[in-house]
Amino acid sequence: MTSPKPRQYFIQGITFEGKTFRPSDWAERLAGAMSCFRPDGVQGGIGAFIGYSPYCVPRVINDVKCVIVDEALKDIEPMAWDFVMQFARDNRLQLAEACLIPELGKSQ
């Protein structure tokens, strides 16, 4: 039996050199740039619900700013996926592959 493939990639605000990535709002900016990529049936554009795409969301994990990128973005918009992954490479940000586990008590 094979183990399931990771579905999320965690771009961490720590460089390979161990320094905190700046500016401090980088995660919100990156996720904001990806906010137009949403599931089918969800309207974007003026007047739409303001928020992040479920495929690219900022989070703070263990006091480190991160952006969690869902692998589904690769199929929905390959150029957006490439942009986000290239951002991580260009800025030498640490990247971890994982499966996001929903918090207990939260509805799906």
N, C-alpha and C. Protein backbone atom coordinates (compact mmCIF):
# COMPACT_ATOMS: atom_id res chain seq x y z
N MET A 1 0.85 -1.18 0.00
CA MET A 1 0.00 0.00 0.00
C MET A 1 0.89 1.24 0.00
N THR A 2 0.58 2.18 -0.86
CA THR A 2 1.36 3.41 -0.92
C THR A 2 0.73 4.48 -0.05
N SER A 3 1.56 5.34 0.48
CA SER A 3 1.02 6.43 1.30
C SER A 3 0.51 7.54 0.39
N PRO A 4 -0.53 8.27 0.85
CA PRO A 4 -1.10 9.32 0.01
C PRO A 4 -0.09 10.44 -0.24
N LYS A 5 -0.19 11.03 -1.41
CA LYS A 5 0.67 12.13 -1.80
C LYS A 5 0.27 13.39 -1.03
N PRO A 6 1.23 14.22 -0.61
CA PRO A 6 0.87 15.45 0.09
C PRO A 6 -0.03 16.32 -0.78
N ARG A 7 -0.92 17.02 -0.14
CA ARG A 7 -1.85 17.87 -0.87
C ARG A 7 -1.56 19.36 -0.66
N GLN A 8 -0.74 19.70 0.33
CA GLN A 8 -0.42 21.09 0.58
C GLN A 8 1.09 21.28 0.64
N TYR A 9 1.49 22.48 0.27
CA TYR A 9 2.89 22.88 0.36
C TYR A 9 2.95 24.10 1.26
N PHE A 10 3.80 24.06 2.25
CA PHE A 10 3.92 25.13 3.22
C PHE A 10 5.17 25.94 2.88
N ILE A 11 4.95 27.16 2.39
CA ILE A 11 6.06 28.07 2.14
C ILE A 11 6.28 28.82 3.45
N GLN A 12 7.45 28.64 4.03
CA GLN A 12 7.74 29.21 5.34
C GLN A 12 8.53 30.50 5.20
N GLY A 13 8.26 31.44 6.07
CA GLY A 13 8.93 32.74 6.04
C GLY A 13 10.31 32.71 6.67
N ILE A 14 11.03 31.63 6.45
CA ILE A 14 12.40 31.46 6.92
C ILE A 14 13.24 31.08 5.70
N THR A 15 14.32 31.81 5.48
CA THR A 15 15.18 31.49 4.34
C THR A 15 16.05 30.28 4.65
N PHE A 16 16.68 29.75 3.61
CA PHE A 16 17.61 28.62 3.80
C PHE A 16 18.75 29.01 4.73
N GLU A 17 19.03 30.30 4.82
CA GLU A 17 20.09 30.78 5.70
C GLU A 17 19.61 30.96 7.14
N GLY A 18 18.32 30.70 7.39
CA GLY A 18 17.76 30.80 8.74
C GLY A 18 17.27 32.18 9.13
N LYS A 19 17.18 33.10 8.18
CA LYS A 19 16.73 34.45 8.48
C LYS A 19 15.23 34.59 8.23
N THR A 20 14.60 35.45 9.02
CA THR A 20 13.18 35.74 8.83
C THR A 20 13.01 36.55 7.55
N PHE A 21 12.09 36.11 6.70
CA PHE A 21 11.86 36.79 5.42
C PHE A 21 11.09 38.08 5.65
N ARG A 22 11.48 39.12 4.95
CA ARG A 22 10.83 40.42 5.02
C ARG A 22 10.32 40.80 3.64
N PRO A 23 9.30 41.62 3.52
CA PRO A 23 8.63 42.37 4.57
C PRO A 23 7.75 41.48 5.44
N SER A 24 7.35 42.00 6.57
CA SER A 24 6.62 41.18 7.53
C SER A 24 5.25 40.74 7.02
N ASP A 25 4.70 41.43 6.03
CA ASP A 25 3.38 41.05 5.50
C ASP A 25 3.48 40.27 4.18
N TRP A 26 4.62 39.65 3.93
CA TRP A 26 4.84 38.94 2.67
C TRP A 26 3.78 37.87 2.43
N ALA A 27 3.39 37.14 3.49
CA ALA A 27 2.43 36.03 3.33
C ALA A 27 1.07 36.55 2.89
N GLU A 28 0.62 37.63 3.51
CA GLU A 28 -0.66 38.22 3.14
C GLU A 28 -0.63 38.76 1.72
N ARG A 29 0.49 39.36 1.33
CA ARG A 29 0.62 39.89 -0.04
C ARG A 29 0.58 38.77 -1.08
N LEU A 30 1.34 37.71 -0.82
CA LEU A 30 1.37 36.60 -1.78
C LEU A 30 0.00 35.95 -1.89
N ALA A 31 -0.63 35.67 -0.74
CA ALA A 31 -1.96 35.06 -0.77
C ALA A 31 -2.98 36.00 -1.40
N GLY A 32 -2.84 37.29 -1.17
CA GLY A 32 -3.73 38.26 -1.79
C GLY A 32 -3.62 38.27 -3.30
N ALA A 33 -2.41 38.10 -3.80
CA ALA A 33 -2.20 38.05 -5.25
C ALA A 33 -2.87 36.83 -5.87
N MET A 34 -3.06 35.79 -5.09
CA MET A 34 -3.67 34.54 -5.57
C MET A 34 -5.17 34.46 -5.26
N SER A 35 -5.74 35.53 -4.68
CA SER A 35 -7.13 35.47 -4.20
C SER A 35 -8.17 35.24 -5.30
N CYS A 36 -7.83 35.52 -6.54
CA CYS A 36 -8.81 35.34 -7.62
C CYS A 36 -8.98 33.88 -8.04
N PHE A 37 -8.10 33.01 -7.60
CA PHE A 37 -8.20 31.59 -7.98
C PHE A 37 -9.05 30.87 -6.94
N ARG A 38 -10.28 30.56 -7.34
CA ARG A 38 -11.27 29.98 -6.43
C ARG A 38 -11.93 28.77 -7.08
N PRO A 39 -12.61 27.97 -6.26
CA PRO A 39 -13.32 26.80 -6.82
C PRO A 39 -14.38 27.22 -7.82
N ASP A 40 -14.74 26.31 -8.72
CA ASP A 40 -15.81 26.57 -9.68
C ASP A 40 -17.07 27.00 -8.94
N GLY A 41 -17.77 27.95 -9.53
CA GLY A 41 -19.03 28.40 -8.95
C GLY A 41 -18.87 29.56 -7.99
N VAL A 42 -17.64 29.90 -7.61
CA VAL A 42 -17.41 31.03 -6.71
C VAL A 42 -17.03 32.22 -7.58
N GLN A 43 -17.81 33.27 -7.48
CA GLN A 43 -17.58 34.45 -8.30
C GLN A 43 -16.43 35.28 -7.76
N GLY A 44 -15.65 35.83 -8.66
CA GLY A 44 -14.58 36.75 -8.29
C GLY A 44 -14.92 38.14 -8.79
N GLY A 45 -13.99 39.04 -8.71
CA GLY A 45 -14.19 40.38 -9.25
C GLY A 45 -14.84 41.33 -8.27
N ILE A 46 -15.20 42.51 -8.76
CA ILE A 46 -15.77 43.55 -7.92
C ILE A 46 -17.08 43.07 -7.31
N GLY A 47 -17.24 43.31 -6.02
CA GLY A 47 -18.46 42.93 -5.33
C GLY A 47 -18.44 41.51 -4.79
N ALA A 48 -17.41 40.75 -5.12
CA ALA A 48 -17.32 39.38 -4.61
C ALA A 48 -16.88 39.41 -3.15
N PHE A 49 -17.05 38.30 -2.49
CA PHE A 49 -16.60 38.16 -1.11
C PHE A 49 -15.10 38.44 -1.07
N ILE A 50 -14.71 39.33 -0.17
CA ILE A 50 -13.30 39.67 -0.06
C ILE A 50 -12.63 38.66 0.86
N GLY A 51 -11.59 38.05 0.37
CA GLY A 51 -10.86 37.08 1.18
C GLY A 51 -9.84 36.35 0.33
N TYR A 52 -9.18 35.40 0.96
CA TYR A 52 -8.14 34.63 0.28
C TYR A 52 -8.74 33.44 -0.46
N SER A 53 -8.04 33.00 -1.46
CA SER A 53 -8.41 31.78 -2.16
C SER A 53 -8.21 30.60 -1.22
N PRO A 54 -9.08 29.60 -1.25
CA PRO A 54 -8.84 28.42 -0.42
C PRO A 54 -7.62 27.63 -0.87
N TYR A 55 -7.07 27.96 -2.03
CA TYR A 55 -5.90 27.26 -2.55
C TYR A 55 -4.58 27.89 -2.12
N CYS A 56 -4.64 29.07 -1.50
CA CYS A 56 -3.41 29.78 -1.13
C CYS A 56 -3.73 30.71 0.03
N VAL A 57 -3.44 30.27 1.25
CA VAL A 57 -3.82 31.03 2.44
C VAL A 57 -2.63 31.30 3.36
N PRO A 58 -2.59 32.50 3.94
CA PRO A 58 -1.52 32.79 4.90
C PRO A 58 -1.88 32.22 6.27
N ARG A 59 -0.87 31.76 6.99
CA ARG A 59 -1.05 31.24 8.34
C ARG A 59 0.22 31.53 9.13
N VAL A 60 0.09 31.54 10.45
CA VAL A 60 1.25 31.59 11.33
C VAL A 60 1.30 30.24 12.02
N ILE A 61 2.41 29.53 11.86
CA ILE A 61 2.58 28.21 12.45
C ILE A 61 3.87 28.23 13.27
N ASN A 62 3.73 27.97 14.56
CA ASN A 62 4.89 28.02 15.46
C ASN A 62 5.65 29.34 15.35
N ASP A 63 4.90 30.43 15.33
CA ASP A 63 5.45 31.79 15.24
C ASP A 63 6.18 32.09 13.93
N VAL A 64 5.95 31.29 12.90
CA VAL A 64 6.56 31.52 11.59
C VAL A 64 5.45 31.80 10.59
N LYS A 65 5.55 32.93 9.88
CA LYS A 65 4.57 33.22 8.83
C LYS A 65 4.76 32.23 7.70
N CYS A 66 3.64 31.71 7.20
CA CYS A 66 3.66 30.72 6.12
C CYS A 66 2.55 31.03 5.13
N VAL A 67 2.68 30.46 3.96
CA VAL A 67 1.58 30.42 3.00
C VAL A 67 1.36 28.95 2.68
N ILE A 68 0.13 28.50 2.85
CA ILE A 68 -0.22 27.11 2.56
C ILE A 68 -0.84 27.09 1.16
N VAL A 69 -0.19 26.37 0.27
CA VAL A 69 -0.63 26.29 -1.12
C VAL A 69 -1.16 24.90 -1.39
N ASP A 70 -2.42 24.82 -1.79
CA ASP A 70 -3.03 23.52 -2.10
C ASP A 70 -2.59 23.07 -3.48
N GLU A 71 -2.25 21.81 -3.58
CA GLU A 71 -1.79 21.24 -4.85
C GLU A 71 -2.84 21.36 -5.96
N ALA A 72 -4.10 21.51 -5.59
CA ALA A 72 -5.17 21.66 -6.59
C ALA A 72 -4.94 22.88 -7.48
N LEU A 73 -4.22 23.88 -6.97
CA LEU A 73 -3.94 25.07 -7.77
C LEU A 73 -3.17 24.72 -9.04
N LYS A 74 -2.35 23.68 -8.96
CA LYS A 74 -1.55 23.25 -10.11
C LYS A 74 -2.44 22.85 -11.28
N ASP A 75 -3.56 22.18 -10.99
CA ASP A 75 -4.48 21.74 -12.04
C ASP A 75 -5.40 22.87 -12.50
N ILE A 76 -5.78 23.74 -11.57
CA ILE A 76 -6.71 24.82 -11.88
C ILE A 76 -6.04 25.90 -12.72
N GLU A 77 -4.84 26.30 -12.31
CA GLU A 77 -4.11 27.36 -13.02
C GLU A 77 -2.61 27.13 -12.88
N PRO A 78 -2.03 26.37 -13.80
CA PRO A 78 -0.61 26.03 -13.72
C PRO A 78 0.32 27.24 -13.62
N MET A 79 -0.03 28.34 -14.28
CA MET A 79 0.83 29.53 -14.22
C MET A 79 0.84 30.14 -12.83
N ALA A 80 -0.30 30.11 -12.14
CA ALA A 80 -0.36 30.62 -10.76
C ALA A 80 0.48 29.74 -9.84
N TRP A 81 0.36 28.42 -10.03
CA TRP A 81 1.17 27.47 -9.26
C TRP A 81 2.66 27.76 -9.47
N ASP A 82 3.06 27.91 -10.73
CA ASP A 82 4.46 28.19 -11.04
C ASP A 82 4.92 29.50 -10.41
N PHE A 83 4.07 30.51 -10.42
CA PHE A 83 4.40 31.80 -9.83
C PHE A 83 4.70 31.66 -8.34
N VAL A 84 3.81 30.97 -7.63
CA VAL A 84 3.98 30.82 -6.18
C VAL A 84 5.23 30.00 -5.85
N MET A 85 5.43 28.90 -6.57
CA MET A 85 6.61 28.07 -6.31
C MET A 85 7.91 28.79 -6.69
N GLN A 86 7.86 29.57 -7.77
CA GLN A 86 9.05 30.34 -8.17
C GLN A 86 9.35 31.43 -7.15
N PHE A 87 8.31 32.02 -6.57
CA PHE A 87 8.49 33.02 -5.51
C PHE A 87 9.29 32.41 -4.35
N ALA A 88 8.91 31.20 -3.95
CA ALA A 88 9.61 30.52 -2.86
C ALA A 88 11.07 30.26 -3.24
N ARG A 89 11.30 29.78 -4.46
CA ARG A 89 12.67 29.49 -4.90
C ARG A 89 13.51 30.77 -5.00
N ASP A 90 12.95 31.80 -5.64
CA ASP A 90 13.69 33.05 -5.84
C ASP A 90 14.11 33.68 -4.51
N ASN A 91 13.26 33.54 -3.50
CA ASN A 91 13.54 34.15 -2.20
C ASN A 91 14.17 33.18 -1.22
N ARG A 92 14.52 31.99 -1.71
CA ARG A 92 15.20 30.96 -0.92
C ARG A 92 14.43 30.63 0.37
N LEU A 93 13.10 30.53 0.23
CA LEU A 93 12.25 30.21 1.38
C LEU A 93 12.14 28.71 1.55
N GLN A 94 12.09 28.29 2.81
CA GLN A 94 11.95 26.87 3.10
C GLN A 94 10.55 26.42 2.71
N LEU A 95 10.47 25.22 2.17
CA LEU A 95 9.22 24.66 1.66
C LEU A 95 9.05 23.26 2.23
N ALA A 96 7.86 22.99 2.76
CA ALA A 96 7.58 21.66 3.30
C ALA A 96 6.32 21.11 2.63
N GLU A 97 6.36 19.83 2.27
CA GLU A 97 5.18 19.16 1.73
C GLU A 97 4.49 18.47 2.89
N ALA A 98 3.17 18.62 2.96
CA ALA A 98 2.43 18.02 4.07
C ALA A 98 0.95 17.92 3.72
N CYS A 99 0.22 17.29 4.60
CA CYS A 99 -1.23 17.26 4.53
C CYS A 99 -1.76 18.09 5.69
N LEU A 100 -2.54 19.09 5.40
CA LEU A 100 -3.13 19.92 6.43
C LEU A 100 -4.21 19.12 7.13
N ILE A 101 -4.11 19.03 8.43
CA ILE A 101 -5.10 18.29 9.22
C ILE A 101 -6.09 19.29 9.79
N PRO A 102 -7.39 19.13 9.51
CA PRO A 102 -8.38 20.07 10.03
C PRO A 102 -8.41 20.05 11.55
N GLU A 103 -8.68 21.22 12.14
CA GLU A 103 -8.78 21.30 13.58
C GLU A 103 -10.03 20.58 14.05
N LEU A 104 -9.93 19.93 15.21
CA LEU A 104 -11.09 19.24 15.77
C LEU A 104 -12.17 20.25 16.11
N GLY A 105 -13.39 19.88 15.88
CA GLY A 105 -14.51 20.74 16.21
C GLY A 105 -14.85 21.76 15.14
N LYS A 106 -14.05 21.87 14.11
CA LYS A 106 -14.34 22.80 13.01
C LYS A 106 -15.09 22.06 11.93
N SER A 107 -16.11 22.70 11.40
CA SER A 107 -16.87 22.06 10.32
C SER A 107 -16.09 22.17 9.02
N GLN A 108 -16.30 21.23 8.14
CA GLN A 108 -15.57 21.20 6.87
C GLN A 108 -16.23 22.07 5.87
